[in-house]
């Protein structure tokens, strides 16, 4: 499990300010707002017969930090992160997919199973890849 802090704003230009505030609540704050995110990543595969791990947890943590959390931590998700397409709404759901895309090429010897991104105690998204 890794943690990072980031700001974002959820806003649809075609909607009025009232519609945006009604639908997105605090996430539509004109001056942005932040979350303390928790990122959980699971892998699947057969445990290595010698070490007993599906993937070395320390190496997995390093991959997650280098490919994802170092880029997201203390950033503005709408403006600062190179792997978030310009104009894409940085929702928890979209972020989980993008994080998967960042990690998948770096996972070797097993398969990425789930990316779970938790925005608040009650809001989170889980992504299991394309089916």
N, C-alpha and C. Protein backbone atom coordinates (compact mmCIF):
# COMPACT_ATOMS: atom_id res chain seq x y z
N UNK A 1 0.84 -1.16 0.00
CA UNK A 1 0.00 0.00 0.00
C UNK A 1 0.89 1.24 0.00
N UNK A 2 0.56 2.17 -0.86
CA UNK A 2 1.29 3.43 -0.96
C UNK A 2 0.30 4.57 -0.75
N UNK A 3 0.80 5.71 -0.33
CA UNK A 3 -0.05 6.88 -0.10
C UNK A 3 0.52 8.08 -0.83
N UNK A 4 -0.38 8.96 -1.25
CA UNK A 4 0.05 10.23 -1.84
C UNK A 4 -1.05 11.26 -1.62
N UNK A 5 -0.66 12.51 -1.71
CA UNK A 5 -1.59 13.63 -1.55
C UNK A 5 -1.63 14.39 -2.87
N UNK A 6 -2.82 14.75 -3.31
CA UNK A 6 -2.93 15.48 -4.57
C UNK A 6 -4.22 16.29 -4.58
N UNK A 7 -4.20 17.33 -5.40
CA UNK A 7 -5.37 18.19 -5.58
C UNK A 7 -5.99 17.92 -6.95
N UNK A 8 -7.28 18.21 -7.04
CA UNK A 8 -7.95 18.14 -8.33
C UNK A 8 -9.21 19.00 -8.30
N UNK A 9 -9.81 19.13 -9.47
CA UNK A 9 -11.11 19.78 -9.59
C UNK A 9 -11.90 18.99 -10.62
N UNK A 10 -13.12 18.64 -10.27
CA UNK A 10 -14.02 17.97 -11.20
C UNK A 10 -14.99 19.03 -11.69
N UNK A 11 -15.01 19.26 -13.00
CA UNK A 11 -15.78 20.36 -13.56
C UNK A 11 -16.09 20.06 -15.02
N UNK A 12 -17.32 20.25 -15.41
CA UNK A 12 -17.72 20.10 -16.81
C UNK A 12 -18.04 21.48 -17.34
N UNK A 13 -17.25 21.93 -18.32
CA UNK A 13 -17.38 23.29 -18.85
C UNK A 13 -18.77 23.59 -19.40
N UNK A 14 -19.43 22.59 -19.96
CA UNK A 14 -20.75 22.82 -20.56
C UNK A 14 -21.85 23.02 -19.52
N UNK A 15 -21.53 22.75 -18.26
CA UNK A 15 -22.52 22.91 -17.19
C UNK A 15 -22.34 24.26 -16.50
N UNK A 16 -23.40 24.72 -15.87
CA UNK A 16 -23.31 25.93 -15.07
C UNK A 16 -22.55 25.63 -13.77
N UNK A 17 -22.14 26.70 -13.10
CA UNK A 17 -21.48 26.53 -11.80
C UNK A 17 -22.39 25.80 -10.82
N UNK A 18 -23.67 26.13 -10.86
CA UNK A 18 -24.64 25.48 -9.96
C UNK A 18 -24.76 23.99 -10.25
N UNK A 19 -24.80 23.63 -11.54
CA UNK A 19 -24.88 22.20 -11.90
C UNK A 19 -23.62 21.46 -11.45
N UNK A 20 -22.45 22.06 -11.68
CA UNK A 20 -21.20 21.42 -11.27
C UNK A 20 -21.16 21.24 -9.76
N UNK A 21 -21.50 22.29 -9.02
CA UNK A 21 -21.49 22.19 -7.55
C UNK A 21 -22.51 21.17 -7.06
N UNK A 22 -23.66 21.14 -7.69
CA UNK A 22 -24.70 20.19 -7.28
C UNK A 22 -24.26 18.75 -7.51
N UNK A 23 -23.60 18.50 -8.63
CA UNK A 23 -23.21 17.14 -8.97
C UNK A 23 -21.91 16.72 -8.28
N UNK A 24 -20.88 17.57 -8.34
CA UNK A 24 -19.54 17.20 -7.84
C UNK A 24 -19.27 17.67 -6.42
N UNK A 25 -20.10 18.53 -5.86
CA UNK A 25 -19.90 19.01 -4.50
C UNK A 25 -18.55 19.70 -4.34
N UNK A 26 -17.84 19.39 -3.25
CA UNK A 26 -16.55 20.02 -2.96
C UNK A 26 -15.52 19.78 -4.06
N UNK A 27 -15.70 18.71 -4.82
CA UNK A 27 -14.75 18.42 -5.89
C UNK A 27 -14.81 19.46 -7.01
N UNK A 28 -15.84 20.31 -7.02
CA UNK A 28 -15.96 21.35 -8.03
C UNK A 28 -15.45 22.70 -7.52
N UNK A 29 -14.79 22.71 -6.39
CA UNK A 29 -14.28 23.96 -5.83
C UNK A 29 -13.41 24.67 -6.87
N UNK A 30 -13.70 25.95 -7.13
CA UNK A 30 -12.97 26.69 -8.17
C UNK A 30 -11.48 26.79 -7.88
N UNK A 31 -11.09 26.71 -6.63
CA UNK A 31 -9.68 26.80 -6.25
C UNK A 31 -9.08 25.44 -5.93
N UNK A 32 -9.67 24.38 -6.47
CA UNK A 32 -9.18 23.03 -6.29
C UNK A 32 -9.45 22.55 -4.86
N UNK A 33 -9.17 21.33 -4.60
CA UNK A 33 -9.21 20.76 -3.25
C UNK A 33 -8.39 19.48 -3.30
N UNK A 34 -8.01 18.98 -2.13
CA UNK A 34 -7.11 17.84 -2.10
C UNK A 34 -7.64 16.63 -1.38
N UNK A 35 -6.96 15.52 -1.62
CA UNK A 35 -7.27 14.25 -0.97
C UNK A 35 -5.97 13.59 -0.51
N UNK A 36 -6.08 12.78 0.51
CA UNK A 36 -5.01 11.89 0.94
C UNK A 36 -5.36 10.51 0.38
N UNK A 37 -4.78 10.18 -0.75
CA UNK A 37 -5.11 8.94 -1.46
C UNK A 37 -4.34 7.76 -0.89
N UNK A 38 -4.97 6.59 -0.97
CA UNK A 38 -4.32 5.33 -0.64
C UNK A 38 -4.40 4.45 -1.88
N UNK A 39 -3.26 3.92 -2.29
CA UNK A 39 -3.17 3.09 -3.48
C UNK A 39 -2.75 1.68 -3.08
N UNK A 40 -3.57 0.71 -3.44
CA UNK A 40 -3.25 -0.70 -3.20
C UNK A 40 -3.12 -1.39 -4.55
N UNK A 41 -2.07 -2.15 -4.71
CA UNK A 41 -1.81 -2.87 -5.95
C UNK A 41 -1.61 -4.34 -5.61
N UNK A 42 -2.33 -5.20 -6.32
CA UNK A 42 -2.14 -6.64 -6.13
C UNK A 42 -1.71 -7.28 -7.44
N UNK A 43 -0.93 -8.33 -7.31
CA UNK A 43 -0.47 -9.09 -8.47
C UNK A 43 -0.94 -10.53 -8.30
N UNK A 44 -0.90 -11.27 -9.42
CA UNK A 44 -1.30 -12.67 -9.35
C UNK A 44 -0.33 -13.51 -10.16
N UNK A 45 -0.22 -14.74 -9.75
CA UNK A 45 0.67 -15.67 -10.42
C UNK A 45 1.09 -16.75 -9.45
N UNK A 46 1.94 -17.61 -9.91
CA UNK A 46 2.44 -18.70 -9.06
C UNK A 46 3.61 -18.20 -8.22
N UNK A 47 3.63 -18.54 -6.95
CA UNK A 47 4.77 -18.15 -6.13
C UNK A 47 6.06 -18.77 -6.65
N UNK A 48 7.13 -18.01 -6.61
CA UNK A 48 8.43 -18.51 -7.01
C UNK A 48 8.79 -19.68 -6.09
N UNK A 49 9.24 -20.81 -6.65
CA UNK A 49 9.51 -21.99 -5.81
C UNK A 49 10.66 -21.79 -4.82
N UNK A 50 11.53 -20.84 -5.05
CA UNK A 50 12.67 -20.62 -4.16
C UNK A 50 12.33 -19.60 -3.09
N UNK A 51 11.86 -18.43 -3.50
CA UNK A 51 11.62 -17.36 -2.52
C UNK A 51 10.21 -17.36 -1.95
N UNK A 52 9.28 -18.03 -2.65
CA UNK A 52 7.91 -18.14 -2.14
C UNK A 52 7.01 -16.95 -2.42
N UNK A 53 7.51 -15.94 -3.11
CA UNK A 53 6.71 -14.76 -3.43
C UNK A 53 6.22 -14.83 -4.87
N UNK A 54 5.05 -14.24 -5.12
CA UNK A 54 4.60 -14.02 -6.49
C UNK A 54 5.43 -12.89 -7.10
N UNK A 55 5.69 -11.86 -6.29
CA UNK A 55 6.55 -10.74 -6.68
C UNK A 55 7.17 -10.18 -5.41
N UNK A 56 8.42 -9.81 -5.47
CA UNK A 56 9.10 -9.23 -4.32
C UNK A 56 8.40 -7.92 -3.94
N UNK A 57 7.88 -7.86 -2.73
CA UNK A 57 7.10 -6.71 -2.28
C UNK A 57 7.92 -5.42 -2.27
N UNK A 58 9.20 -5.50 -1.92
CA UNK A 58 10.04 -4.29 -1.93
C UNK A 58 10.22 -3.77 -3.35
N UNK A 59 10.42 -4.67 -4.29
CA UNK A 59 10.58 -4.25 -5.69
C UNK A 59 9.27 -3.69 -6.24
N UNK A 60 8.16 -4.31 -5.88
CA UNK A 60 6.85 -3.81 -6.32
C UNK A 60 6.60 -2.41 -5.77
N UNK A 61 6.93 -2.20 -4.52
CA UNK A 61 6.77 -0.89 -3.90
C UNK A 61 7.62 0.16 -4.62
N UNK A 62 8.83 -0.21 -4.98
CA UNK A 62 9.71 0.71 -5.70
C UNK A 62 9.13 1.07 -7.06
N UNK A 63 8.60 0.09 -7.77
CA UNK A 63 7.97 0.33 -9.08
C UNK A 63 6.80 1.29 -8.92
N UNK A 64 5.97 1.05 -7.92
CA UNK A 64 4.80 1.91 -7.69
C UNK A 64 5.25 3.35 -7.39
N UNK A 65 6.24 3.49 -6.55
CA UNK A 65 6.73 4.84 -6.23
C UNK A 65 7.29 5.53 -7.46
N UNK A 66 8.18 4.84 -8.19
CA UNK A 66 8.84 5.47 -9.33
C UNK A 66 7.89 5.77 -10.48
N UNK A 67 6.96 4.88 -10.75
CA UNK A 67 6.09 5.04 -11.91
C UNK A 67 4.81 5.81 -11.62
N UNK A 68 4.43 5.89 -10.33
CA UNK A 68 3.13 6.48 -10.02
C UNK A 68 3.20 7.52 -8.90
N UNK A 69 3.45 7.08 -7.68
CA UNK A 69 3.23 7.99 -6.56
C UNK A 69 4.21 9.16 -6.53
N UNK A 70 5.46 8.97 -6.98
CA UNK A 70 6.37 10.11 -7.03
C UNK A 70 5.87 11.18 -8.00
N UNK A 71 5.15 10.75 -9.03
CA UNK A 71 4.60 11.69 -10.02
C UNK A 71 3.31 12.35 -9.54
N UNK A 72 2.55 11.64 -8.71
CA UNK A 72 1.25 12.15 -8.26
C UNK A 72 1.32 12.95 -6.96
N UNK A 73 2.27 12.60 -6.11
CA UNK A 73 2.31 13.18 -4.77
C UNK A 73 2.50 14.70 -4.81
N UNK A 74 1.65 15.40 -4.10
CA UNK A 74 1.66 16.86 -4.01
C UNK A 74 1.57 17.52 -5.38
N UNK A 75 0.74 16.96 -6.24
CA UNK A 75 0.54 17.52 -7.57
C UNK A 75 -0.91 17.99 -7.72
N UNK A 76 -1.13 18.73 -8.79
CA UNK A 76 -2.48 19.07 -9.22
C UNK A 76 -2.80 18.09 -10.34
N UNK A 77 -3.73 17.19 -10.11
CA UNK A 77 -4.02 16.14 -11.09
C UNK A 77 -4.55 16.69 -12.40
N UNK A 78 -5.16 17.87 -12.39
CA UNK A 78 -5.67 18.47 -13.62
C UNK A 78 -4.55 19.09 -14.46
N UNK A 79 -3.42 19.44 -13.84
CA UNK A 79 -2.42 20.24 -14.54
C UNK A 79 -1.02 19.64 -14.59
N UNK A 80 -0.61 18.89 -13.59
CA UNK A 80 0.81 18.60 -13.40
C UNK A 80 1.31 17.23 -13.86
N UNK A 81 0.45 16.27 -14.06
CA UNK A 81 0.90 14.89 -14.22
C UNK A 81 0.93 14.50 -15.70
N UNK A 82 2.13 14.10 -16.17
CA UNK A 82 2.31 13.85 -17.60
C UNK A 82 1.49 12.67 -18.13
N UNK A 83 1.13 11.72 -17.30
CA UNK A 83 0.38 10.57 -17.82
C UNK A 83 -1.14 10.73 -17.73
N UNK A 84 -1.60 11.89 -17.28
CA UNK A 84 -3.04 12.18 -17.28
C UNK A 84 -3.33 13.05 -18.50
N UNK A 85 -4.09 12.53 -19.47
CA UNK A 85 -4.36 13.32 -20.68
C UNK A 85 -5.03 14.66 -20.36
N UNK A 86 -4.59 15.71 -21.06
CA UNK A 86 -5.21 17.03 -20.90
C UNK A 86 -6.71 16.91 -21.12
N UNK A 87 -7.48 17.49 -20.22
CA UNK A 87 -8.92 17.49 -20.35
C UNK A 87 -9.62 16.27 -19.76
N UNK A 88 -8.87 15.24 -19.38
CA UNK A 88 -9.50 14.07 -18.76
C UNK A 88 -9.88 14.41 -17.33
N UNK A 89 -11.09 14.07 -16.94
CA UNK A 89 -11.55 14.30 -15.58
C UNK A 89 -10.77 13.37 -14.64
N UNK A 90 -10.03 13.92 -13.67
CA UNK A 90 -9.22 13.07 -12.78
C UNK A 90 -10.05 12.45 -11.65
N UNK A 91 -11.05 11.67 -12.06
CA UNK A 91 -11.86 10.94 -11.08
C UNK A 91 -11.07 9.75 -10.56
N UNK A 92 -11.52 9.21 -9.48
CA UNK A 92 -10.87 8.03 -8.91
C UNK A 92 -10.89 6.89 -9.92
N UNK A 93 -12.00 6.74 -10.64
CA UNK A 93 -12.12 5.67 -11.64
C UNK A 93 -11.11 5.84 -12.76
N UNK A 94 -11.02 7.06 -13.33
CA UNK A 94 -10.06 7.30 -14.39
C UNK A 94 -8.63 7.14 -13.89
N UNK A 95 -8.36 7.59 -12.69
CA UNK A 95 -7.02 7.48 -12.13
C UNK A 95 -6.60 6.02 -11.95
N UNK A 96 -7.52 5.17 -11.52
CA UNK A 96 -7.20 3.75 -11.34
C UNK A 96 -6.77 3.12 -12.66
N UNK A 97 -7.47 3.45 -13.75
CA UNK A 97 -7.12 2.93 -15.08
C UNK A 97 -5.75 3.45 -15.50
N UNK A 98 -5.51 4.75 -15.33
CA UNK A 98 -4.22 5.33 -15.72
C UNK A 98 -3.06 4.76 -14.90
N UNK A 99 -3.29 4.53 -13.63
CA UNK A 99 -2.25 3.93 -12.78
C UNK A 99 -1.93 2.52 -13.27
N UNK A 100 -2.96 1.75 -13.60
CA UNK A 100 -2.75 0.41 -14.17
C UNK A 100 -1.85 0.51 -15.40
N UNK A 101 -2.17 1.44 -16.28
CA UNK A 101 -1.40 1.59 -17.52
C UNK A 101 0.05 1.97 -17.24
N UNK A 102 0.29 2.72 -16.19
CA UNK A 102 1.66 3.09 -15.82
C UNK A 102 2.43 1.89 -15.25
N UNK A 103 1.74 1.04 -14.50
CA UNK A 103 2.41 -0.06 -13.82
C UNK A 103 2.60 -1.31 -14.68
N UNK A 104 1.61 -1.63 -15.47
CA UNK A 104 1.60 -2.92 -16.17
C UNK A 104 2.89 -3.24 -16.94
N UNK A 105 3.47 -2.30 -17.68
CA UNK A 105 4.70 -2.64 -18.42
C UNK A 105 5.89 -2.98 -17.52
N UNK A 106 5.82 -2.63 -16.25
CA UNK A 106 6.95 -2.82 -15.35
C UNK A 106 6.81 -4.05 -14.44
N UNK A 107 5.68 -4.73 -14.52
CA UNK A 107 5.44 -5.92 -13.70
C UNK A 107 5.91 -7.13 -14.50
N UNK A 108 6.89 -7.84 -13.98
CA UNK A 108 7.44 -8.99 -14.69
C UNK A 108 7.41 -10.23 -13.81
N UNK A 109 7.19 -11.38 -14.44
CA UNK A 109 7.17 -12.64 -13.72
C UNK A 109 5.83 -12.98 -13.11
N UNK A 110 4.88 -12.08 -13.24
CA UNK A 110 3.52 -12.29 -12.75
C UNK A 110 2.63 -11.28 -13.48
N UNK A 111 1.39 -11.21 -13.10
CA UNK A 111 0.45 -10.29 -13.76
C UNK A 111 -0.14 -9.32 -12.75
N UNK A 112 -0.38 -8.12 -13.20
CA UNK A 112 -1.10 -7.16 -12.39
C UNK A 112 -2.52 -7.68 -12.21
N UNK A 113 -3.01 -7.66 -11.00
CA UNK A 113 -4.35 -8.18 -10.72
C UNK A 113 -5.36 -7.06 -10.46
N UNK A 114 -5.02 -6.13 -9.57
CA UNK A 114 -5.97 -5.07 -9.20
C UNK A 114 -5.23 -3.81 -8.78
N UNK A 115 -5.76 -2.68 -9.24
CA UNK A 115 -5.35 -1.37 -8.74
C UNK A 115 -6.56 -0.81 -8.01
N UNK A 116 -6.38 -0.56 -6.72
CA UNK A 116 -7.44 0.03 -5.91
C UNK A 116 -6.96 1.40 -5.45
N UNK A 117 -7.71 2.42 -5.83
CA UNK A 117 -7.38 3.78 -5.43
C UNK A 117 -8.49 4.30 -4.53
N UNK A 118 -8.12 4.66 -3.33
CA UNK A 118 -9.08 5.14 -2.34
C UNK A 118 -8.87 6.64 -2.15
N UNK A 119 -9.95 7.39 -2.39
CA UNK A 119 -9.92 8.85 -2.30
C UNK A 119 -10.33 9.32 -0.91
N UNK A 120 -11.34 8.69 -0.35
CA UNK A 120 -11.81 8.99 1.00
C UNK A 120 -12.13 7.67 1.68
N UNK A 121 -12.62 7.72 2.90
CA UNK A 121 -13.00 6.49 3.59
C UNK A 121 -14.10 5.74 2.86
N UNK A 122 -14.92 6.46 2.10
CA UNK A 122 -16.07 5.82 1.45
C UNK A 122 -16.04 5.84 -0.08
N UNK A 123 -15.05 6.50 -0.66
CA UNK A 123 -14.98 6.58 -2.12
C UNK A 123 -13.69 5.92 -2.59
N UNK A 124 -13.84 4.89 -3.42
CA UNK A 124 -12.68 4.22 -4.00
C UNK A 124 -13.08 3.56 -5.30
N UNK A 125 -12.09 3.22 -6.10
CA UNK A 125 -12.32 2.50 -7.36
C UNK A 125 -11.32 1.36 -7.43
N UNK A 126 -11.79 0.24 -7.96
CA UNK A 126 -10.93 -0.91 -8.22
C UNK A 126 -10.95 -1.17 -9.70
N UNK A 127 -9.76 -1.41 -10.27
CA UNK A 127 -9.66 -1.70 -11.70
C UNK A 127 -8.89 -3.00 -11.87
N UNK A 128 -9.45 -3.90 -12.69
CA UNK A 128 -8.86 -5.21 -12.91
C UNK A 128 -8.37 -5.42 -14.33
N UNK A 129 -8.20 -4.33 -15.07
CA UNK A 129 -7.69 -4.44 -16.43
C UNK A 129 -8.79 -4.72 -17.41
N UNK A 130 -8.40 -4.72 -18.67
CA UNK A 130 -9.33 -5.01 -19.75
C UNK A 130 -9.70 -6.49 -19.72
N UNK A 131 -10.95 -6.78 -20.00
CA UNK A 131 -11.37 -8.19 -20.08
C UNK A 131 -11.73 -8.57 -21.47
